[in-house]
PDB file of N, CA and C in Angstrom:
ATOM      1  N   MET A   1       0.927  -1.135   0.140  1.00  0.00           N
ATOM      2  CA  MET A   1      -0.147   0.085  -0.003  1.00  0.00           C
ATOM      3  C   MET A   1       1.024   1.537  -0.050  1.00  0.00           C
ATOM      4  N   LYS A   2       2.128   1.124   0.677  1.00  0.00           N
ATOM      5  CA  LYS A   2       3.216   2.375   0.488  1.00  0.00           C
ATOM      6  C   LYS A   2       3.132   2.653  -0.873  1.00  0.00           C
ATOM      7  N   SER A   3       3.372   2.130  -1.730  1.00  0.00           N
ATOM      8  CA  SER A   3       3.653   2.182  -3.206  1.00  0.00           C
ATOM      9  C   SER A   3       2.551   3.393  -3.899  1.00  0.00           C
ATOM     10  N   ILE A   4       1.179   3.376  -3.446  1.00  0.00           N
ATOM     11  CA  ILE A   4       0.295   3.985  -3.807  1.00  0.00           C
ATOM     12  C   ILE A   4       0.540   5.639  -4.016  1.00  0.00           C
ATOM     13  N   PRO A   5       0.849   6.322  -2.981  1.00  0.00           N
ATOM     14  CA  PRO A   5       1.271   7.565  -2.858  1.00  0.00           C
ATOM     15  C   PRO A   5       2.743   8.148  -3.808  1.00  0.00           C
ATOM     16  N   SER A   6       3.526   7.135  -3.619  1.00  0.00           N
ATOM     17  CA  SER A   6       4.632   7.322  -4.720  1.00  0.00           C
ATOM     18  C   SER A   6       4.086   7.100  -6.008  1.00  0.00           C
ATOM     19  N   THR A   7       3.236   6.187  -6.260  1.00  0.00           N
ATOM     20  CA  THR A   7       2.969   6.103  -7.453  1.00  0.00           C
ATOM     21  C   THR A   7       2.292   7.144  -8.087  1.00  0.00           C
ATOM     22  N   LEU A   8       1.519   7.694  -7.337  1.00  0.00           N
ATOM     23  CA  LEU A   8       0.731   9.269  -7.473  1.00  0.00           C
ATOM     24  C   LEU A   8       1.282  10.264  -8.293  1.00  0.00           C
ATOM     25  N   ALA A   9       2.295  10.393  -7.237  1.00  0.00           N
ATOM     26  CA  ALA A   9       3.577  11.316  -7.400  1.00  0.00           C
ATOM     27  C   ALA A   9       3.800  11.113  -8.467  1.00  0.00           C
ATOM     28  N   LEU A  10       4.263  10.195  -8.856  1.00  0.00           N
ATOM     29  CA  LEU A  10       5.279   9.818 -10.169  1.00  0.00           C
ATOM     30  C   LEU A  10       4.132   9.946 -11.515  1.00  0.00           C
ATOM     31  N   CYS A  11       3.077   9.358 -11.332  1.00  0.00           N
ATOM     32  CA  CYS A  11       2.163  10.030 -12.558  1.00  0.00           C
ATOM     33  C   CYS A  11       1.954  11.646 -12.742  1.00  0.00           C
ATOM     34  N   ALA A  12       1.739  12.155 -11.474  1.00  0.00           N
ATOM     35  CA  ALA A  12       1.630  13.614 -11.717  1.00  0.00           C
ATOM     36  C   ALA A  12       2.724  14.210 -12.159  1.00  0.00           C
ATOM     37  N   ALA A  13       4.030  13.514 -11.701  1.00  0.00           N
ATOM     38  CA  ALA A  13       5.136  14.189 -12.473  1.00  0.00           C
ATOM     39  C   ALA A  13       5.272  14.325 -13.929  1.00  0.00           C
ATOM     40  N   ALA A  14       4.650  13.020 -14.287  1.00  0.00           N
ATOM     41  CA  ALA A  14       4.878  12.677 -16.012  1.00  0.00           C
ATOM     42  C   ALA A  14       4.009  13.357 -16.507  1.00  0.00           C
ATOM     43  N   PHE A  15       2.839  13.770 -15.748  1.00  0.00           N
ATOM     44  CA  PHE A  15       1.624  14.735 -16.590  1.00  0.00           C
ATOM     45  C   PHE A  15       2.369  15.915 -16.551  1.00  0.00           C
ATOM     46  N   VAL A  16       3.047  16.481 -15.599  1.00  0.00           N
ATOM     47  CA  VAL A  16       3.794  18.054 -15.757  1.00  0.00           C
ATOM     48  C   VAL A  16       4.466  18.302 -16.804  1.00  0.00           C
ATOM     49  N   PHE A  17       5.487  17.067 -16.810  1.00  0.00           N
ATOM     50  CA  PHE A  17       6.627  17.153 -17.771  1.00  0.00           C
ATOM     51  C   PHE A  17       6.239  16.771 -19.143  1.00  0.00           C
ATOM     52  N   SER A  18       4.932  16.024 -19.534  1.00  0.00           N
ATOM     53  CA  SER A  18       4.480  15.862 -20.727  1.00  0.00           C
ATOM     54  C   SER A  18       3.676  16.882 -21.185  1.00  0.00           C
ATOM     55  N   SER A  19       3.337  17.843 -20.497  1.00  0.00           N
ATOM     56  CA  SER A  19       2.436  18.806 -20.251  1.00  0.00           C
ATOM     57  C   SER A  19       3.462  20.023 -20.931  1.00  0.00           C
ATOM     58  N   HIS A  20       4.601  20.244 -20.428  1.00  0.00           N
ATOM     59  CA  HIS A  20       5.504  21.174 -20.451  1.00  0.00           C
ATOM     60  C   HIS A  20       6.067  20.613 -22.124  1.00  0.00           C
ATOM     61  N   ALA A  21       6.435  19.220 -21.923  1.00  0.00           N
ATOM     62  CA  ALA A  21       7.057  18.890 -23.317  1.00  0.00           C
ATOM     63  C   ALA A  21       6.008  19.295 -24.486  1.00  0.00           C
ATOM     64  N   GLU A  22       5.061  18.842 -24.426  1.00  0.00           N
ATOM     65  CA  GLU A  22       4.017  19.629 -25.502  1.00  0.00           C
ATOM     66  C   GLU A  22       3.827  20.775 -25.847  1.00  0.00           C
ATOM     67  N   ALA A  23       4.011  21.923 -24.738  1.00  0.00           N
ATOM     68  CA  ALA A  23       3.540  23.222 -25.011  1.00  0.00           C
ATOM     69  C   ALA A  23       5.023  23.653 -25.540  1.00  0.00           C
ATOM     70  N   SER A  24       5.924  23.166 -25.117  1.00  0.00           N
ATOM     71  CA  SER A  24       7.396  23.827 -26.156  1.00  0.00           C
ATOM     72  C   SER A  24       7.476  23.087 -27.240  1.00  0.00           C
ATOM     73  N   GLY A  25       6.345  22.237 -27.558  1.00  0.00           N
ATOM     74  CA  GLY A  25       6.820  21.504 -29.249  1.00  0.00           C
ATOM     75  C   GLY A  25       7.721  20.102 -29.084  1.00  0.00           C
ATOM     76  N   GLY A  26       8.427  19.868 -27.984  1.00  0.00           N
ATOM     77  CA  GLY A  26       8.755  18.281 -27.910  1.00  0.00           C
ATOM     78  C   GLY A  26       9.549  18.188 -26.666  1.00  0.00           C
ATOM     79  N   GLY A  27      10.419  17.131 -26.323  1.00  0.00           N
ATOM     80  CA  GLY A  27      10.844  16.936 -25.063  1.00  0.00           C
ATOM     81  C   GLY A  27      11.122  15.612 -25.012  1.00  0.00           C
ATOM     82  N   VAL A  28      11.760  14.986 -23.947  1.00  0.00           N
ATOM     83  CA  VAL A  28      12.013  13.495 -23.522  1.00  0.00           C
ATOM     84  C   VAL A  28      11.800  13.504 -21.930  1.00  0.00           C
ATOM     85  N   VAL A  29      10.955  12.630 -21.665  1.00  0.00           N
ATOM     86  CA  VAL A  29      10.856  12.317 -20.226  1.00  0.00           C
ATOM     87  C   VAL A  29      11.540  11.086 -20.080  1.00  0.00           C
ATOM     88  N   HIS A  30      12.534  11.032 -18.842  1.00  0.00           N
ATOM     89  CA  HIS A  30      13.641   9.639 -18.394  1.00  0.00           C
ATOM     90  C   HIS A  30      12.498   9.069 -17.077  1.00  0.00           C
ATOM     91  N   PHE A  31      12.623   8.013 -17.413  1.00  0.00           N
ATOM     92  CA  PHE A  31      12.005   7.084 -16.229  1.00  0.00           C
ATOM     93  C   PHE A  31      13.216   6.340 -15.909  1.00  0.00           C
ATOM     94  N   ARG A  32      13.536   6.135 -14.443  1.00  0.00           N
ATOM     95  CA  ARG A  32      14.031   5.024 -13.514  1.00  0.00           C
ATOM     96  C   ARG A  32      13.560   4.531 -12.367  1.00  0.00           C
ATOM     97  N   GLY A  33      13.541   3.489 -12.261  1.00  0.00           N
ATOM     98  CA  GLY A  33      12.816   2.699 -10.876  1.00  0.00           C
ATOM     99  C   GLY A  33      11.802   2.018 -11.481  1.00  0.00           C
ATOM    100  N   SER A  34      11.297   1.766 -10.462  1.00  0.00           N
ATOM    101  CA  SER A  34       9.876   0.717 -10.659  1.00  0.00           C
ATOM    102  C   SER A  34       8.726   0.966  -9.693  1.00  0.00           C
ATOM    103  N   ILE A  35       7.470   0.636 -10.623  1.00  0.00           N
ATOM    104  CA  ILE A  35       6.229   0.861  -9.987  1.00  0.00           C
ATOM    105  C   ILE A  35       5.867  -0.593  -9.475  1.00  0.00           C
ATOM    106  N   VAL A  36       5.951  -0.798  -8.104  1.00  0.00           N
ATOM    107  CA  VAL A  36       5.878  -1.765  -7.479  1.00  0.00           C
ATOM    108  C   VAL A  36       4.656  -2.248  -6.750  1.00  0.00           C
ATOM    109  N   GLU A  37       4.070  -3.194  -6.940  1.00  0.00           N
ATOM    110  CA  GLU A  37       2.413  -3.565  -6.291  1.00  0.00           C
ATOM    111  C   GLU A  37       2.935  -4.480  -5.294  1.00  0.00           C
ATOM    112  N   ALA A  38       1.943  -4.305  -4.222  1.00  0.00           N
ATOM    113  CA  ALA A  38       2.139  -5.256  -2.996  1.00  0.00           C
ATOM    114  C   ALA A  38       2.083  -6.481  -3.250  1.00  0.00           C
ATOM    115  N   PRO A  39       2.919  -7.313  -2.445  1.00  0.00           N
ATOM    116  CA  PRO A  39       2.870  -8.956  -2.874  1.00  0.00           C
ATOM    117  C   PRO A  39       1.774  -9.638  -2.301  1.00  0.00           C
ATOM    118  N   CYS A  40       1.211 -10.778  -2.791  1.00  0.00           N
ATOM    119  CA  CYS A  40       0.250 -11.546  -2.238  1.00  0.00           C
ATOM    120  C   CYS A  40       0.313 -11.918  -0.620  1.00  0.00           C
ATOM    121  N   GLU A  41      -0.391 -12.188  -0.147  1.00  0.00           N
ATOM    122  CA  GLU A  41      -0.491 -12.256   0.991  1.00  0.00           C
ATOM    123  C   GLU A  41      -0.834 -13.761   1.425  1.00  0.00           C
ATOM    124  N   VAL A  42      -0.429 -14.518   2.303  1.00  0.00           N
ATOM    125  CA  VAL A  42      -0.821 -16.140   2.388  1.00  0.00           C
ATOM    126  C   VAL A  42      -1.037 -16.439   4.005  1.00  0.00           C
ATOM    127  N   THR A  43      -2.000 -16.378   4.617  1.00  0.00           N
ATOM    128  CA  THR A  43      -2.536 -17.026   5.844  1.00  0.00           C
ATOM    129  C   THR A  43      -3.098 -18.183   5.807  1.00  0.00           C
ATOM    130  N   GLN A  44      -3.113 -18.880   7.017  1.00  0.00           N
ATOM    131  CA  GLN A  44      -3.919 -19.993   7.303  1.00  0.00           C
ATOM    132  C   GLN A  44      -5.299 -20.078   7.716  1.00  0.00           C
ATOM    133  N   ALA A  45      -6.388 -20.562   6.794  1.00  0.00           N
ATOM    134  CA  ALA A  45      -7.699 -20.647   6.832  1.00  0.00           C
ATOM    135  C   ALA A  45      -8.104 -21.187   8.137  1.00  0.00           C
ATOM    136  N   ALA A  46      -9.389 -21.076   8.160  1.00  0.00           N
ATOM    137  CA  ALA A  46     -10.006 -21.700   9.435  1.00  0.00           C
ATOM    138  C   ALA A  46      -9.610 -23.043   9.626  1.00  0.00           C
ATOM    139  N   THR A  47      -9.760 -24.080   8.509  1.00  0.00           N
ATOM    140  CA  THR A  47      -9.293 -25.122   8.482  1.00  0.00           C
ATOM    141  C   THR A  47      -7.708 -25.381   8.185  1.00  0.00           C
ATOM    142  N   ALA A  48      -7.039 -26.428   8.929  1.00  0.00           N
ATOM    143  CA  ALA A  48      -5.415 -26.485   9.019  1.00  0.00           C
ATOM    144  C   ALA A  48      -5.030 -26.920   7.487  1.00  0.00           C
ATOM    145  N   SER A  49      -5.910 -27.466   6.502  1.00  0.00           N
ATOM    146  CA  SER A  49      -5.418 -27.939   5.303  1.00  0.00           C
ATOM    147  C   SER A  49      -5.949 -26.757   4.485  1.00  0.00           C
ATOM    148  N   ARG A  50      -6.303 -25.710   4.416  1.00  0.00           N
ATOM    149  CA  ARG A  50      -6.569 -24.771   3.434  1.00  0.00           C
ATOM    150  C   ARG A  50      -5.476 -23.088   3.907  1.00  0.00           C
ATOM    151  N   VAL A  51      -5.341 -22.683   2.481  1.00  0.00           N
ATOM    152  CA  VAL A  51      -4.780 -21.269   3.020  1.00  0.00           C
ATOM    153  C   VAL A  51      -5.393 -20.468   2.657  1.00  0.00           C
ATOM    154  N   GLN A  52      -5.734 -19.110   2.976  1.00  0.00           N
ATOM    155  CA  GLN A  52      -6.093 -17.807   2.807  1.00  0.00           C
ATOM    156  C   GLN A  52      -5.068 -16.903   1.891  1.00  0.00           C
ATOM    157  N   VAL A  53      -5.672 -16.920   0.377  1.00  0.00           N
ATOM    158  CA  VAL A  53      -4.600 -16.275  -0.053  1.00  0.00           C
ATOM    159  C   VAL A  53      -5.219 -14.671  -0.711  1.00  0.00           C
ATOM    160  N   SER A  54      -4.623 -13.582  -0.316  1.00  0.00           N
ATOM    161  CA  SER A  54      -5.101 -12.281  -0.815  1.00  0.00           C
ATOM    162  C   SER A  54      -3.953 -11.846  -1.591  1.00  0.00           C
ATOM    163  N   CYS A  55      -4.638 -11.411  -2.962  1.00  0.00           N
ATOM    164  CA  CYS A  55      -3.612 -10.721  -4.130  1.00  0.00           C
ATOM    165  C   CYS A  55      -4.368  -9.597  -4.975  1.00  0.00           C
ATOM    166  N   PHE A  56      -3.651  -8.680  -5.270  1.00  0.00           N
ATOM    167  CA  PHE A  56      -4.272  -7.470  -5.937  1.00  0.00           C
ATOM    168  C   PHE A  56      -4.793  -8.236  -7.494  1.00  0.00           C
ATOM    169  N   GLN A  57      -5.746  -7.645  -7.918  1.00  0.00           N
ATOM    170  CA  GLN A  57      -6.163  -7.813  -9.329  1.00  0.00           C
ATOM    171  C   GLN A  57      -7.215  -6.713  -9.816  1.00  0.00           C
ATOM    172  N   HIS A  58      -6.758  -6.291 -10.875  1.00  0.00           N
ATOM    173  CA  HIS A  58      -7.368  -5.170 -11.292  1.00  0.00           C
ATOM    174  C   HIS A  58      -7.795  -4.070 -10.625  1.00  0.00           C
ATOM    175  N   GLY A  59      -6.755  -3.574  -9.500  1.00  0.00           N
ATOM    176  CA  GLY A  59      -6.924  -2.596  -8.647  1.00  0.00           C
ATOM    177  C   GLY A  59      -7.445  -2.901  -7.252  1.00  0.00           C
ATOM    178  N   LYS A  60      -7.480  -4.028  -6.855  1.00  0.00           N
ATOM    179  CA  LYS A  60      -8.572  -4.406  -5.785  1.00  0.00           C
ATOM    180  C   LYS A  60      -8.233  -5.577  -5.253  1.00  0.00           C
ATOM    181  N   VAL A  61      -7.950  -6.084  -3.909  1.00  0.00           N
ATOM    182  CA  VAL A  61      -7.859  -7.141  -3.552  1.00  0.00           C
ATOM    183  C   VAL A  61      -8.783  -8.036  -3.609  1.00  0.00           C
ATOM    184  N   THR A  62      -8.584  -9.405  -4.192  1.00  0.00           N
ATOM    185  CA  THR A  62      -9.275 -10.529  -4.339  1.00  0.00           C
ATOM    186  C   THR A  62      -8.588 -11.850  -3.262  1.00  0.00           C
ATOM    187  N   GLU A  63      -9.730 -12.233  -2.695  1.00  0.00           N
ATOM    188  CA  GLU A  63      -9.328 -13.500  -1.554  1.00  0.00           C
ATOM    189  C   GLU A  63      -9.830 -14.568  -2.033  1.00  0.00           C
ATOM    190  N   GLN A  64      -8.800 -15.477  -1.894  1.00  0.00           N
ATOM    191  CA  GLN A  64      -9.455 -17.052  -2.159  1.00  0.00           C
ATOM    192  C   GLN A  64      -8.938 -18.155  -1.036  1.00  0.00           C
ATOM    193  N   THR A  65      -9.426 -18.882  -0.781  1.00  0.00           N
ATOM    194  CA  THR A  65      -9.034 -19.944   0.204  1.00  0.00           C
ATOM    195  C   THR A  65      -8.972 -21.336  -0.677  1.00  0.00           C
ATOM    196  N   ILE A  66      -8.155 -21.725  -0.738  1.00  0.00           N
ATOM    197  CA  ILE A  66      -7.162 -22.628  -1.475  1.00  0.00           C
ATOM    198  C   ILE A  66      -6.747 -24.141  -0.703  1.00  0.00           C
ATOM    199  N   PRO A  67      -7.158 -25.169  -0.912  1.00  0.00           N
ATOM    200  CA  PRO A  67      -6.524 -26.685  -0.425  1.00  0.00           C
ATOM    201  C   PRO A  67      -5.222 -26.863  -0.533  1.00  0.00           C
ATOM    202  N   LEU A  68      -4.729 -27.004   0.531  1.00  0.00           N
ATOM    203  CA  LEU A  68      -3.185 -27.306   0.436  1.00  0.00           C
ATOM    204  C   LEU A  68      -2.710 -28.456  -0.679  1.00  0.00           C
ATOM    205  N   ASN A  69      -3.921 -29.298  -1.046  1.00  0.00           N
ATOM    206  CA  ASN A  69      -3.579 -30.487  -1.774  1.00  0.00           C
ATOM    207  C   ASN A  69      -3.496 -30.053  -3.340  1.00  0.00           C
ATOM    208  N   ILE A  70      -4.249 -28.725  -3.746  1.00  0.00           N
ATOM    209  CA  ILE A  70      -3.916 -28.381  -5.201  1.00  0.00           C
ATOM    210  C   ILE A  70      -3.229 -26.822  -5.270  1.00  0.00           C
ATOM    211  N   LEU A  71      -2.483 -26.768  -4.096  1.00  0.00           N
ATOM    212  CA  LEU A  71      -1.612 -25.376  -4.106  1.00  0.00           C
ATOM    213  C   LEU A  71      -0.768 -25.098  -5.555  1.00  0.00           C
ATOM    214  N   LYS A  72      -0.381 -26.496  -5.968  1.00  0.00           N
ATOM    215  CA  LYS A  72       0.778 -26.182  -6.750  1.00  0.00           C
ATOM    216  C   LYS A  72       0.516 -26.072  -8.178  1.00  0.00           C
ATOM    217  N   THR A  73      -0.988 -26.486  -8.183  1.00  0.00           N
ATOM    218  CA  THR A  73      -1.891 -26.562  -9.651  1.00  0.00           C
ATOM    219  C   THR A  73      -2.831 -25.393  -9.807  1.00  0.00           C
ATOM    220  N   HIS A  74      -3.017 -24.591  -8.583  1.00  0.00           N
ATOM    221  CA  HIS A  74      -4.234 -23.595  -8.605  1.00  0.00           C
ATOM    222  C   HIS A  74      -3.718 -22.563  -9.248  1.00  0.00           C
ATOM    223  N   ALA A  75      -4.506 -21.777 -10.104  1.00  0.00           N
ATOM    224  CA  ALA A  75      -4.026 -20.355 -10.665  1.00  0.00           C
ATOM    225  C   ALA A  75      -4.542 -19.427  -9.661  1.00  0.00           C
ATOM    226  N   VAL A  76      -3.639 -18.501  -9.415  1.00  0.00           N
ATOM    227  CA  VAL A  76      -3.939 -17.621  -8.035  1.00  0.00           C
ATOM    228  C   VAL A  76      -4.489 -16.322  -8.897  1.00  0.00           C
ATOM    229  N   LYS A  77      -5.532 -15.853  -8.567  1.00  0.00           N
ATOM    230  CA  LYS A  77      -6.353 -14.860  -9.225  1.00  0.00           C
ATOM    231  C   LYS A  77      -5.257 -13.434  -8.684  1.00  0.00           C
ATOM    232  N   SER A  78      -4.426 -12.956  -9.454  1.00  0.00           N
ATOM    233  CA  SER A  78      -3.327 -11.787  -9.499  1.00  0.00           C
ATOM    234  C   SER A  78      -2.876 -10.918 -10.553  1.00  0.00           C
ATOM    235  N   ASP A  79      -2.853  -9.751 -10.613  1.00  0.00           N
ATOM    236  CA  ASP A  79      -2.387  -9.099 -11.590  1.00  0.00           C
ATOM    237  C   ASP A  79      -1.300  -9.536 -12.091  1.00  0.00           C
ATOM    238  N   ALA A  80      -0.050 -10.206 -11.387  1.00  0.00           N
ATOM    239  CA  ALA A  80       1.295 -10.569 -11.481  1.00  0.00           C
ATOM    240  C   ALA A  80       1.315 -11.925 -11.578  1.00  0.00           C
ATOM    241  N   PRO A  81       1.622 -13.014 -12.380  1.00  0.00           N
ATOM    242  CA  PRO A  81       1.875 -14.484 -12.756  1.00  0.00           C
ATOM    243  C   PRO A  81       2.497 -14.855 -11.202  1.00  0.00           C
ATOM    244  N   VAL A  82       1.670 -15.630 -10.639  1.00  0.00           N
ATOM    245  CA  VAL A  82       2.501 -16.008  -9.475  1.00  0.00           C
ATOM    246  C   VAL A  82       2.100 -17.673  -9.212  1.00  0.00           C
ATOM    247  N   ALA A  83       3.399 -18.454  -8.965  1.00  0.00           N
ATOM    248  CA  ALA A  83       3.423 -19.769  -8.753  1.00  0.00           C
ATOM    249  C   ALA A  83       3.473 -19.884  -7.144  1.00  0.00           C
ATOM    250  N   MET A  84       2.829 -21.048  -6.697  1.00  0.00           N
ATOM    251  CA  MET A  84       2.777 -21.167  -5.462  1.00  0.00           C
ATOM    252  C   MET A  84       3.341 -22.729  -5.219  1.00  0.00           C
ATOM    253  N   ASP A  85       4.241 -23.005  -4.136  1.00  0.00           N
ATOM    254  CA  ASP A  85       4.214 -24.311  -3.951  1.00  0.00           C
ATOM    255  C   ASP A  85       4.154 -24.535  -2.590  1.00  0.00           C
ATOM    256  N   VAL A  86       4.103 -25.920  -2.078  1.00  0.00           N
ATOM    257  CA  VAL A  86       3.937 -26.257  -0.349  1.00  0.00           C
ATOM    258  C   VAL A  86       5.019 -27.258  -0.400  1.00  0.00           C
ATOM    259  N   HIS A  87       5.606 -26.962   1.195  1.00  0.00           N
ATOM    260  CA  HIS A  87       6.562 -28.350   1.334  1.00  0.00           C
ATOM    261  C   HIS A  87       6.132 -28.372   2.778  1.00  0.00           C
ATOM    262  N   TYR A  88       6.212 -29.587   3.281  1.00  0.00           N
ATOM    263  CA  TYR A  88       5.605 -30.046   4.452  1.00  0.00           C
ATOM    264  C   TYR A  88       6.662 -30.237   5.208  1.00  0.00           C
ATOM    265  N   LEU A  89       6.604 -29.799   6.566  1.00  0.00           N
ATOM    266  CA  LEU A  89       7.707 -30.098   7.706  1.00  0.00           C
ATOM    267  C   LEU A  89       7.574 -31.450   8.600  1.00  0.00           C
ATOM    268  N   ASN A  90       6.670 -32.290   8.214  1.00  0.00           N
ATOM    269  CA  ASN A  90       6.324 -33.220   9.093  1.00  0.00           C
ATOM    270  C   ASN A  90       5.670 -34.029   8.574  1.00  0.00           C
ATOM    271  N   PRO A  91       5.831 -35.663   8.606  1.00  0.00           N
ATOM    272  CA  PRO A  91       4.983 -36.641   8.272  1.00  0.00           C
ATOM    273  C   PRO A  91       3.499 -36.132   8.165  1.00  0.00           C
ATOM    274  N   GLN A  92       2.904 -35.535   9.198  1.00  0.00           N
ATOM    275  CA  GLN A  92       1.678 -35.669   9.448  1.00  0.00           C
ATOM    276  C   GLN A  92       1.139 -34.686   8.443  1.00  0.00           C
ATOM    277  N   LYS A  93       1.638 -33.567   7.755  1.00  0.00           N
ATOM    278  CA  LYS A  93       1.461 -32.828   7.280  1.00  0.00           C
ATOM    279  C   LYS A  93       0.728 -31.739   7.561  1.00  0.00           C
ATOM    280  N   THR A  94       1.131 -31.325   9.252  1.00  0.00           N
ATOM    281  CA  THR A  94      -0.053 -30.179  10.018  1.00  0.00           C
ATOM    282  C   THR A  94       1.283 -29.216   9.829  1.00  0.00           C
ATOM    283  N   LEU A  95       2.336 -29.076   9.597  1.00  0.00           N
ATOM    284  CA  LEU A  95       3.258 -27.846   9.210  1.00  0.00           C
ATOM    285  C   LEU A  95       3.729 -27.924   8.018  1.00  0.00           C
ATOM    286  N   ALA A  96       3.802 -26.912   7.208  1.00  0.00           N
ATOM    287  CA  ALA A  96       4.225 -26.350   5.821  1.00  0.00           C
ATOM    288  C   ALA A  96       4.593 -25.351   5.645  1.00  0.00           C
ATOM    289  N   VAL A  97       5.551 -24.962   4.744  1.00  0.00           N
ATOM    290  CA  VAL A  97       6.029 -23.717   4.307  1.00  0.00           C
ATOM    291  C   VAL A  97       5.545 -23.581   2.982  1.00  0.00           C
ATOM    292  N   VAL A  98       4.863 -22.679   2.626  1.00  0.00           N
ATOM    293  CA  VAL A  98       4.463 -22.101   1.201  1.00  0.00           C
ATOM    294  C   VAL A  98       5.282 -21.120   0.576  1.00  0.00           C
ATOM    295  N   THR A  99       5.763 -21.404  -0.507  1.00  0.00           N
ATOM    296  CA  THR A  99       6.664 -20.165  -1.268  1.00  0.00           C
ATOM    297  C   THR A  99       5.764 -20.072  -2.366  1.00  0.00           C
ATOM    298  N   LEU A 100       5.661 -18.593  -2.643  1.00  0.00           N
ATOM    299  CA  LEU A 100       5.353 -17.854  -3.809  1.00  0.00           C
ATOM    300  C   LEU A 100       6.575 -17.383  -4.700  1.00  0.00           C
ATOM    301  N   ARG A 101       6.002 -17.696  -6.088  1.00  0.00           N
ATOM    302  CA  ARG A 101       7.030 -17.501  -6.824  1.00  0.00           C
ATOM    303  C   ARG A 101       6.440 -16.532  -7.683  1.00  0.00           C
ATOM    304  N   TYR A 102       6.953 -14.957  -8.064  1.00  0.00           N
ATOM    305  CA  TYR A 102       6.520 -14.079  -9.260  1.00  0.00           C
ATOM    306  C   TYR A 102       7.474 -14.483 -10.474  1.00  0.00           C
ATOM    307  N   ASN A 103       6.762 -14.822 -11.572  1.00  0.00           N
ATOM    308  CA  ASN A 103       7.314 -14.805 -12.647  1.00  0.00           C
ATOM    309  C   ASN A 103       7.577 -13.283 -13.526  1.00  0.00           C
TER     310      ASN A 103
END
């Protein structure tokens, strides 16, 4: 969420520079850096065999509850391509590490 004010400031600056360039008949705008969206959040759902995933999609947060057994193949609803993986820490499959990879 911290990136929203800086994104707005960047857009305002780009607008001012482009307006100035248009008024003067030409110009160049140089951009350095990146616009970053908040990553997905993963929390344990009410049932131990599921996780709650919250990601940005089309400018708003979408929440999904996903069973652990389909986590590797489930397509997460997000603006960025996200791949998820689960690694169990014990044979009873009660403790796990969930990894998100952004492509």
